């Protein structure tokens, strides 16, 4: 009975750890470093914790509204920052507005 309980607990810890690891956001690594709150994992940067703010690769010299520069990346200025993507062409998709080289979600 004790072996069964230990086995069940080990399985529960493994499942929880897997779900925790899968919830991390990964972005392509630019250069040798990662933005604040992220760690290197091969050619990617992975969020180090749920508290790490969203990051996107910096396009050009500026960041979209609500973001600030962190090396080669733009970091969300707050937890309430709207999601942003790099703009392709001259316009943004429906539900987004133009902010420099980016499209920011209206929300």
Foldseek 3Di string as FASTA:
>chain_A
DVVVVVVVVVVVVVVVVVVQVVVKDKDFDDPDDDFPQWDDDPRITIHNHPPFFDKDFDDPDADFPQWHDTPRITGGVDNPFFDKDFDDPDADDPQWHDGPRITGGND
